[in-house]
Amino acid sequence: ASVSNLAWAAGGSEILFASRQAGKSRLFKIPATG
């Protein structure tokens, strides 16, 4: 999917990013460990 605007959450345990999936743009977070 399209991915942009990466940022780290406070504490560094998660990564935040914007993504466009299924026709909708949303903000997501994912654990830095996967």
Full PDB file with SEQRES, HELIX, SHEET, SSBOND, CRYST1, ORIGX, SCALE, CONECT and MASTER records, all heavy atoms in Angstrom:
SEQRES   1 A   34  ALA SER VAL SER ASN LEU ALA TRP ALA ALA GLY GLY SER          
SEQRES   2 A   34  GLU ILE LEU PHE ALA SER ARG GLN ALA GLY LYS SER ARG          
SEQRES   3 A   34  LEU PHE LYS ILE PRO ALA THR GLY                              
SHEET    1 AA1 3 SER A   2  TRP A   8  0                                        
SHEET    2 AA1 3 GLU A  14  GLN A  21 -1                                        
SHEET    3 AA1 3 LYS A  24  PRO A  31 -1                                        
CRYST1    1.000    1.000    1.000  90.00  90.00  90.00 P 1           1          
ORIGX1      1.000000  0.000000  0.000000        0.00000                         
ORIGX2      0.000000  1.000000  0.000000        0.00000                         
ORIGX3      0.000000  0.000000  1.000000        0.00000                         
SCALE1      1.000000  0.000000  0.000000        0.00000                         
SCALE2      0.000000  1.000000  0.000000        0.00000                         
SCALE3      0.000000  0.000000  1.000000        0.00000                         
ATOM      1  N   ALA A   1       0.849  -1.187   0.000  1.00  0.00           N  
ATOM      2  CA  ALA A   1       0.000   0.000   0.000  1.00  0.00           C  
ATOM      3  C   ALA A   1       0.889   1.242   0.000  1.00  0.00           C  
ATOM      4  O   ALA A   1       2.098   1.157   0.205  1.00  0.00           O  
ATOM      5  CB  ALA A   1      -0.894  -0.005   1.237  1.00  0.00           C  
ATOM      6  N   SER A   2       0.282   2.398  -0.230  1.00  0.00           N  
ATOM      7  CA  SER A   2       1.060   3.628  -0.127  1.00  0.00           C  
ATOM      8  C   SER A   2       1.371   3.874   1.352  1.00  0.00           C  
ATOM      9  O   SER A   2       0.533   3.636   2.222  1.00  0.00           O  
ATOM     10  CB  SER A   2       0.287   4.803  -0.725  1.00  0.00           C  
ATOM     11  OG  SER A   2      -0.855   5.081   0.046  1.00  0.00           O  
ATOM     12  N   VAL A   3       2.579   4.295   1.624  1.00  0.00           N  
ATOM     13  CA  VAL A   3       3.028   4.525   3.000  1.00  0.00           C  
ATOM     14  C   VAL A   3       3.774   5.855   3.042  1.00  0.00           C  
ATOM     15  O   VAL A   3       4.593   6.134   2.175  1.00  0.00           O  
ATOM     16  CB  VAL A   3       3.976   3.396   3.476  1.00  0.00           C  
ATOM     17  CG1 VAL A   3       4.478   3.670   4.867  1.00  0.00           C  
ATOM     18  CG2 VAL A   3       3.285   2.047   3.411  1.00  0.00           C  
ATOM     19  N   SER A   4       3.491   6.661   4.062  1.00  0.00           N  
ATOM     20  CA  SER A   4       4.187   7.941   4.200  1.00  0.00           C  
ATOM     21  C   SER A   4       4.202   8.380   5.661  1.00  0.00           C  
ATOM     22  O   SER A   4       3.554   7.774   6.514  1.00  0.00           O  
ATOM     23  CB  SER A   4       3.500   9.008   3.334  1.00  0.00           C  
ATOM     24  OG  SER A   4       2.173   9.211   3.769  1.00  0.00           O  
ATOM     25  N   ASN A   5       4.947   9.422   5.903  1.00  0.00           N  
ATOM     26  CA  ASN A   5       4.964  10.117   7.196  1.00  0.00           C  
ATOM     27  C   ASN A   5       5.300   9.225   8.385  1.00  0.00           C  
ATOM     28  O   ASN A   5       4.568   9.156   9.354  1.00  0.00           O  
ATOM     29  CB  ASN A   5       3.628  10.831   7.437  1.00  0.00           C  
ATOM     30  CG  ASN A   5       3.309  11.812   6.338  1.00  0.00           C  
ATOM     31  OD1 ASN A   5       4.182  12.543   5.896  1.00  0.00           O  
ATOM     32  ND2 ASN A   5       2.082  11.814   5.873  1.00  0.00           N  
ATOM     33  N   LEU A   6       6.434   8.546   8.317  1.00  0.00           N  
ATOM     34  CA  LEU A   6       6.867   7.709   9.430  1.00  0.00           C  
ATOM     35  C   LEU A   6       7.258   8.569  10.621  1.00  0.00           C  
ATOM     36  O   LEU A   6       7.863   9.628  10.473  1.00  0.00           O  
ATOM     37  CB  LEU A   6       8.080   6.879   9.041  1.00  0.00           C  
ATOM     38  CG  LEU A   6       7.906   5.812   7.978  1.00  0.00           C  
ATOM     39  CD1 LEU A   6       9.226   5.101   7.749  1.00  0.00           C  
ATOM     40  CD2 LEU A   6       6.847   4.821   8.374  1.00  0.00           C  
ATOM     41  N   ALA A   7       6.931   8.080  11.812  1.00  0.00           N  
ATOM     42  CA  ALA A   7       7.340   8.718  13.066  1.00  0.00           C  
ATOM     43  C   ALA A   7       7.398   7.645  14.140  1.00  0.00           C  
ATOM     44  O   ALA A   7       6.700   6.633  14.054  1.00  0.00           O  
ATOM     45  CB  ALA A   7       6.342   9.800  13.470  1.00  0.00           C  
ATOM     46  N   TRP A   8       8.233   7.859  15.130  1.00  0.00           N  
ATOM     47  CA  TRP A   8       8.325   6.931  16.260  1.00  0.00           C  
ATOM     48  C   TRP A   8       7.406   7.416  17.366  1.00  0.00           C  
ATOM     49  O   TRP A   8       7.346   8.611  17.667  1.00  0.00           O  
ATOM     50  CB  TRP A   8       9.756   6.884  16.779  1.00  0.00           C  
ATOM     51  CG  TRP A   8      10.664   6.110  15.897  1.00  0.00           C  
ATOM     52  CD1 TRP A   8      11.308   6.570  14.780  1.00  0.00           C  
ATOM     53  CD2 TRP A   8      11.032   4.743  16.041  1.00  0.00           C  
ATOM     54  NE1 TRP A   8      12.058   5.565  14.221  1.00  0.00           N  
ATOM     55  CE2 TRP A   8      11.912   4.433  14.977  1.00  0.00           C  
ATOM     56  CE3 TRP A   8      10.715   3.742  16.954  1.00  0.00           C  
ATOM     57  CZ2 TRP A   8      12.467   3.171  14.814  1.00  0.00           C  
ATOM     58  CZ3 TRP A   8      11.279   2.494  16.793  1.00  0.00           C  
ATOM     59  CH2 TRP A   8      12.137   2.211  15.736  1.00  0.00           C  
ATOM     60  N   ALA A   9       6.707   6.500  18.002  1.00  0.00           N  
ATOM     61  CA  ALA A   9       5.905   6.833  19.178  1.00  0.00           C  
ATOM     62  C   ALA A   9       6.862   7.093  20.338  1.00  0.00           C  
ATOM     63  O   ALA A   9       7.999   6.608  20.349  1.00  0.00           O  
ATOM     64  CB  ALA A   9       4.957   5.685  19.520  1.00  0.00           C  
ATOM     65  N   ALA A  10       6.402   7.852  21.311  1.00  0.00           N  
ATOM     66  CA  ALA A  10       7.210   8.126  22.494  1.00  0.00           C  
ATOM     67  C   ALA A  10       7.644   6.804  23.122  1.00  0.00           C  
ATOM     68  O   ALA A  10       6.864   5.867  23.224  1.00  0.00           O  
ATOM     69  CB  ALA A  10       6.416   8.956  23.488  1.00  0.00           C  
ATOM     70  N   GLY A  11       8.884   6.717  23.493  1.00  0.00           N  
ATOM     71  CA  GLY A  11       9.401   5.497  24.083  1.00  0.00           C  
ATOM     72  C   GLY A  11      10.036   4.568  23.080  1.00  0.00           C  
ATOM     73  O   GLY A  11      10.758   3.653  23.444  1.00  0.00           O  
ATOM     74  N   GLY A  12       9.739   4.745  21.790  1.00  0.00           N  
ATOM     75  CA  GLY A  12      10.385   3.970  20.746  1.00  0.00           C  
ATOM     76  C   GLY A  12       9.896   2.548  20.562  1.00  0.00           C  
ATOM     77  O   GLY A  12      10.554   1.760  19.899  1.00  0.00           O  
ATOM     78  N   SER A  13       8.744   2.212  21.116  1.00  0.00           N  
ATOM     79  CA  SER A  13       8.265   0.832  20.975  1.00  0.00           C  
ATOM     80  C   SER A  13       7.371   0.634  19.752  1.00  0.00           C  
ATOM     81  O   SER A  13       7.123  -0.508  19.363  1.00  0.00           O  
ATOM     82  CB  SER A  13       7.520   0.390  22.230  1.00  0.00           C  
ATOM     83  OG  SER A  13       6.351   1.177  22.416  1.00  0.00           O  
ATOM     84  N   GLU A  14       6.890   1.720  19.160  1.00  0.00           N  
ATOM     85  CA  GLU A  14       6.004   1.616  17.998  1.00  0.00           C  
ATOM     86  C   GLU A  14       6.385   2.642  16.940  1.00  0.00           C  
ATOM     87  O   GLU A  14       6.938   3.695  17.253  1.00  0.00           O  
ATOM     88  CB  GLU A  14       4.549   1.852  18.399  1.00  0.00           C  
ATOM     89  CG  GLU A  14       4.006   0.810  19.348  1.00  0.00           C  
ATOM     90  CD  GLU A  14       2.602   1.137  19.804  1.00  0.00           C  
ATOM     91  OE1 GLU A  14       2.339   2.301  20.179  1.00  0.00           O  
ATOM     92  OE2 GLU A  14       1.762   0.232  19.779  1.00  0.00           O  
ATOM     93  N   ILE A  15       6.039   2.316  15.697  1.00  0.00           N  
ATOM     94  CA  ILE A  15       6.244   3.223  14.578  1.00  0.00           C  
ATOM     95  C   ILE A  15       4.868   3.614  14.051  1.00  0.00           C  
ATOM     96  O   ILE A  15       3.996   2.762  13.862  1.00  0.00           O  
ATOM     97  CB  ILE A  15       7.072   2.554  13.470  1.00  0.00           C  
ATOM     98  CG1 ILE A  15       8.448   2.178  14.032  1.00  0.00           C  
ATOM     99  CG2 ILE A  15       7.201   3.472  12.261  1.00  0.00           C  
ATOM    100  CD1 ILE A  15       9.238   1.243  13.159  1.00  0.00           C  
ATOM    101  N   LEU A  16       4.681   4.894  13.833  1.00  0.00           N  
ATOM    102  CA  LEU A  16       3.425   5.431  13.314  1.00  0.00           C  
ATOM    103  C   LEU A  16       3.626   5.781  11.840  1.00  0.00           C  
ATOM    104  O   LEU A  16       4.699   6.233  11.448  1.00  0.00           O  
ATOM    105  CB  LEU A  16       3.032   6.679  14.088  1.00  0.00           C  
ATOM    106  CG  LEU A  16       3.070   6.573  15.613  1.00  0.00           C  
ATOM    107  CD1 LEU A  16       2.848   7.927  16.248  1.00  0.00           C  
ATOM    108  CD2 LEU A  16       2.057   5.564  16.096  1.00  0.00           C  
ATOM    109  N   PHE A  17       2.583   5.578  11.041  1.00  0.00           N  
ATOM    110  CA  PHE A  17       2.688   5.917   9.621  1.00  0.00           C  
ATOM    111  C   PHE A  17       1.300   6.096   9.025  1.00  0.00           C  
ATOM    112  O   PHE A  17       0.312   5.600   9.544  1.00  0.00           O  
ATOM    113  CB  PHE A  17       3.473   4.857   8.848  1.00  0.00           C  
ATOM    114  CG  PHE A  17       2.864   3.475   8.860  1.00  0.00           C  
ATOM    115  CD1 PHE A  17       2.063   3.045   7.821  1.00  0.00           C  
ATOM    116  CD2 PHE A  17       3.112   2.609   9.915  1.00  0.00           C  
ATOM    117  CE1 PHE A  17       1.515   1.773   7.827  1.00  0.00           C  
ATOM    118  CE2 PHE A  17       2.578   1.328   9.933  1.00  0.00           C  
ATOM    119  CZ  PHE A  17       1.774   0.909   8.892  1.00  0.00           C  
ATOM    120  N   ALA A  18       1.251   6.830   7.910  1.00  0.00           N  
ATOM    121  CA  ALA A  18       0.018   6.992   7.152  1.00  0.00           C  
ATOM    122  C   ALA A  18       0.043   5.986   6.008  1.00  0.00           C  
ATOM    123  O   ALA A  18       1.090   5.729   5.415  1.00  0.00           O  
ATOM    124  CB  ALA A  18      -0.090   8.409   6.610  1.00  0.00           C  
ATOM    125  N   SER A  19      -1.117   5.415   5.707  1.00  0.00           N  
ATOM    126  CA  SER A  19      -1.208   4.456   4.615  1.00  0.00           C  
ATOM    127  C   SER A  19      -2.593   4.533   3.987  1.00  0.00           C  
ATOM    128  O   SER A  19      -3.580   4.765   4.671  1.00  0.00           O  
ATOM    129  CB  SER A  19      -0.946   3.044   5.133  1.00  0.00           C  
ATOM    130  OG  SER A  19      -0.987   2.113   4.081  1.00  0.00           O  
ATOM    131  N   ARG A  20      -2.610   4.316   2.700  1.00  0.00           N  
ATOM    132  CA  ARG A  20      -3.885   4.284   1.976  1.00  0.00           C  
ATOM    133  C   ARG A  20      -4.160   2.841   1.595  1.00  0.00           C  
ATOM    134  O   ARG A  20      -3.447   2.245   0.795  1.00  0.00           O  
ATOM    135  CB  ARG A  20      -3.821   5.161   0.732  1.00  0.00           C  
ATOM    136  CG  ARG A  20      -5.136   5.237  -0.017  1.00  0.00           C  
ATOM    137  CD  ARG A  20      -5.091   6.320  -1.076  1.00  0.00           C  
ATOM    138  NE  ARG A  20      -6.310   6.369  -1.814  1.00  0.00           N  
ATOM    139  CZ  ARG A  20      -7.405   7.029  -1.452  1.00  0.00           C  
ATOM    140  NH1 ARG A  20      -7.403   7.701  -0.328  1.00  0.00           N  
ATOM    141  NH2 ARG A  20      -8.482   7.031  -2.198  1.00  0.00           N  
ATOM    142  N   GLN A  21      -5.213   2.295   2.186  1.00  0.00           N  
ATOM    143  CA  GLN A  21      -5.597   0.908   1.935  1.00  0.00           C  
ATOM    144  C   GLN A  21      -7.094   0.845   1.700  1.00  0.00           C  
ATOM    145  O   GLN A  21      -7.858   1.518   2.377  1.00  0.00           O  
ATOM    146  CB  GLN A  21      -5.222   0.032   3.128  1.00  0.00           C  
ATOM    147  CG  GLN A  21      -3.737   0.013   3.400  1.00  0.00           C  
ATOM    148  CD  GLN A  21      -3.389  -0.825   4.607  1.00  0.00           C  
ATOM    149  OE1 GLN A  21      -4.200  -1.556   5.136  1.00  0.00           O  
ATOM    150  NE2 GLN A  21      -2.149  -0.719   5.036  1.00  0.00           N  
ATOM    151  N   ALA A  22      -7.489   0.033   0.748  1.00  0.00           N  
ATOM    152  CA  ALA A  22      -8.904  -0.139   0.402  1.00  0.00           C  
ATOM    153  C   ALA A  22      -9.573   1.207   0.139  1.00  0.00           C  
ATOM    154  O   ALA A  22     -10.716   1.429   0.515  1.00  0.00           O  
ATOM    155  CB  ALA A  22      -9.629  -0.901   1.506  1.00  0.00           C  
ATOM    156  N   GLY A  23      -8.834   2.127  -0.484  1.00  0.00           N  
ATOM    157  CA  GLY A  23      -9.394   3.414  -0.869  1.00  0.00           C  
ATOM    158  C   GLY A  23      -9.515   4.428   0.251  1.00  0.00           C  
ATOM    159  O   GLY A  23     -10.058   5.503   0.048  1.00  0.00           O  
ATOM    160  N   LYS A  24      -8.990   4.122   1.448  1.00  0.00           N  
ATOM    161  CA  LYS A  24      -9.092   5.041   2.579  1.00  0.00           C  
ATOM    162  C   LYS A  24      -7.710   5.315   3.157  1.00  0.00           C  
ATOM    163  O   LYS A  24      -6.928   4.396   3.368  1.00  0.00           O  
ATOM    164  CB  LYS A  24      -9.974   4.455   3.680  1.00  0.00           C  
ATOM    165  CG  LYS A  24     -11.402   4.268   3.273  1.00  0.00           C  
ATOM    166  CD  LYS A  24     -12.215   3.708   4.418  1.00  0.00           C  
ATOM    167  CE  LYS A  24     -13.654   3.490   3.967  1.00  0.00           C  
ATOM    168  NZ  LYS A  24     -14.477   2.957   5.047  1.00  0.00           N  
ATOM    169  N   SER A  25      -7.444   6.593   3.429  1.00  0.00           N  
ATOM    170  CA  SER A  25      -6.198   6.964   4.092  1.00  0.00           C  
ATOM    171  C   SER A  25      -6.408   6.923   5.594  1.00  0.00           C  
ATOM    172  O   SER A  25      -7.403   7.454   6.099  1.00  0.00           O  
ATOM    173  CB  SER A  25      -5.763   8.359   3.665  1.00  0.00           C  
ATOM    174  OG  SER A  25      -5.429   8.363   2.304  1.00  0.00           O  
ATOM    175  N   ARG A  26      -5.472   6.287   6.295  1.00  0.00           N  
ATOM    176  CA  ARG A  26      -5.585   6.148   7.749  1.00  0.00           C  
ATOM    177  C   ARG A  26      -4.204   6.241   8.381  1.00  0.00           C  
ATOM    178  O   ARG A  26      -3.202   6.018   7.731  1.00  0.00           O  
ATOM    179  CB  ARG A  26      -6.187   4.795   8.104  1.00  0.00           C  
ATOM    180  CG  ARG A  26      -7.587   4.604   7.615  1.00  0.00           C  
ATOM    181  CD  ARG A  26      -8.117   3.269   8.052  1.00  0.00           C  
ATOM    182  NE  ARG A  26      -9.512   3.147   7.663  1.00  0.00           N  
ATOM    183  CZ  ARG A  26     -10.115   2.014   7.422  1.00  0.00           C  
ATOM    184  NH1 ARG A  26      -9.452   0.883   7.519  1.00  0.00           N  
ATOM    185  NH2 ARG A  26     -11.370   1.970   7.090  1.00  0.00           N  
ATOM    186  N   LEU A  27      -4.204   6.493   9.680  1.00  0.00           N  
ATOM    187  CA  LEU A  27      -2.978   6.431  10.456  1.00  0.00           C  
ATOM    188  C   LEU A  27      -2.892   5.063  11.100  1.00  0.00           C  
ATOM    189  O   LEU A  27      -3.885   4.546  11.616  1.00  0.00           O  
ATOM    190  CB  LEU A  27      -2.956   7.511  11.526  1.00  0.00           C  
ATOM    191  CG  LEU A  27      -2.868   8.942  11.013  1.00  0.00           C  
ATOM    192  CD1 LEU A  27      -2.938   9.912  12.189  1.00  0.00           C  
ATOM    193  CD2 LEU A  27      -1.582   9.155  10.237  1.00  0.00           C  
ATOM    194  N   PHE A  28      -1.706   4.490  11.078  1.00  0.00           N  
ATOM    195  CA  PHE A  28      -1.478   3.161  11.644  1.00  0.00           C  
ATOM    196  C   PHE A  28      -0.324   3.222  12.630  1.00  0.00           C  
ATOM    197  O   PHE A  28       0.511   4.121  12.573  1.00  0.00           O  
ATOM    198  CB  PHE A  28      -1.108   2.163  10.536  1.00  0.00           C  
ATOM    199  CG  PHE A  28      -2.229   1.804   9.622  1.00  0.00           C  
ATOM    200  CD1 PHE A  28      -2.529   2.603   8.534  1.00  0.00           C  
ATOM    201  CD2 PHE A  28      -2.992   0.671   9.848  1.00  0.00           C  
ATOM    202  CE1 PHE A  28      -3.569   2.268   7.673  1.00  0.00           C  
ATOM    203  CE2 PHE A  28      -4.028   0.330   8.999  1.00  0.00           C  
ATOM    204  CZ  PHE A  28      -4.314   1.129   7.913  1.00  0.00           C  
ATOM    205  N   LYS A  29      -0.271   2.210  13.495  1.00  0.00           N  
ATOM    206  CA  LYS A  29       0.895   2.006  14.337  1.00  0.00           C  
ATOM    207  C   LYS A  29       1.247   0.527  14.262  1.00  0.00           C  
ATOM    208  O   LYS A  29       0.380  -0.331  14.078  1.00  0.00           O  
ATOM    209  CB  LYS A  29       0.638   2.423  15.789  1.00  0.00           C  
ATOM    210  CG  LYS A  29      -0.407   1.602  16.504  1.00  0.00           C  
ATOM    211  CD  LYS A  29      -0.587   2.087  17.927  1.00  0.00           C  
ATOM    212  CE  LYS A  29      -1.671   1.276  18.630  1.00  0.00           C  
ATOM    213  NZ  LYS A  29      -1.857   1.697  20.005  1.00  0.00           N  
ATOM    214  N   ILE A  30       2.547   0.257  14.384  1.00  0.00           N  
ATOM    215  CA  ILE A  30       3.025  -1.118  14.347  1.00  0.00           C  
ATOM    216  C   ILE A  30       4.150  -1.249  15.373  1.00  0.00           C  
ATOM    217  O   ILE A  30       4.972  -0.315  15.510  1.00  0.00           O  
ATOM    218  CB  ILE A  30       3.505  -1.507  12.929  1.00  0.00           C  
ATOM    219  CG1 ILE A  30       3.755  -3.017  12.843  1.00  0.00           C  
ATOM    220  CG2 ILE A  30       4.703  -0.713  12.504  1.00  0.00           C  
ATOM    221  CD1 ILE A  30       3.903  -3.532  11.429  1.00  0.00           C  
ATOM    222  N   PRO A  31       4.186  -2.333  16.120  1.00  0.00           N  
ATOM    223  CA  PRO A  31       5.287  -2.527  17.064  1.00  0.00           C  
ATOM    224  C   PRO A  31       6.633  -2.559  16.331  1.00  0.00           C  
ATOM    225  O   PRO A  31       6.734  -3.141  15.247  1.00  0.00           O  
ATOM    226  CB  PRO A  31       4.993  -3.872  17.726  1.00  0.00           C  
ATOM    227  CG  PRO A  31       3.532  -4.109  17.501  1.00  0.00           C  
ATOM    228  CD  PRO A  31       3.211  -3.447  16.189  1.00  0.00           C  
ATOM    229  N   ALA A  32       7.644  -1.961  16.913  1.00  0.00           N  
ATOM    230  CA  ALA A  32       8.972  -1.968  16.300  1.00  0.00           C  
ATOM    231  C   ALA A  32       9.542  -3.389  16.262  1.00  0.00           C  
ATOM    232  O   ALA A  32      10.443  -3.660  15.476  1.00  0.00           O  
ATOM    233  CB  ALA A  32       9.897  -1.042  17.071  1.00  0.00           C  
ATOM    234  N   THR A  33       9.002  -4.276  17.057  1.00  0.00           N  
ATOM    235  CA  THR A  33       9.447  -5.664  17.046  1.00  0.00           C  
ATOM    236  C   THR A  33       8.739  -6.495  15.976  1.00  0.00           C  
ATOM    237  O   THR A  33       9.081  -7.656  15.747  1.00  0.00           O  
ATOM    238  CB  THR A  33       9.181  -6.321  18.416  1.00  0.00           C  
ATOM    239  OG1 THR A  33       7.794  -6.174  18.737  1.00  0.00           O  
ATOM    240  CG2 THR A  33      10.026  -5.681  19.491  1.00  0.00           C  
ATOM    241  N   GLY A  34       7.742  -5.903  15.309  1.00  0.00           N  
ATOM    242  CA  GLY A  34       6.969  -6.598  14.289  1.00  0.00           C  
ATOM    243  C   GLY A  34       5.588  -6.950  14.816  1.00  0.00           C  
ATOM    244  O   GLY A  34       5.309  -6.836  15.992  1.00  0.00           O  
TER     245      GLY A  34                                                      
MASTER        0    0    0    0    3    0    0    6  244    1    0    3          
END                                                                             
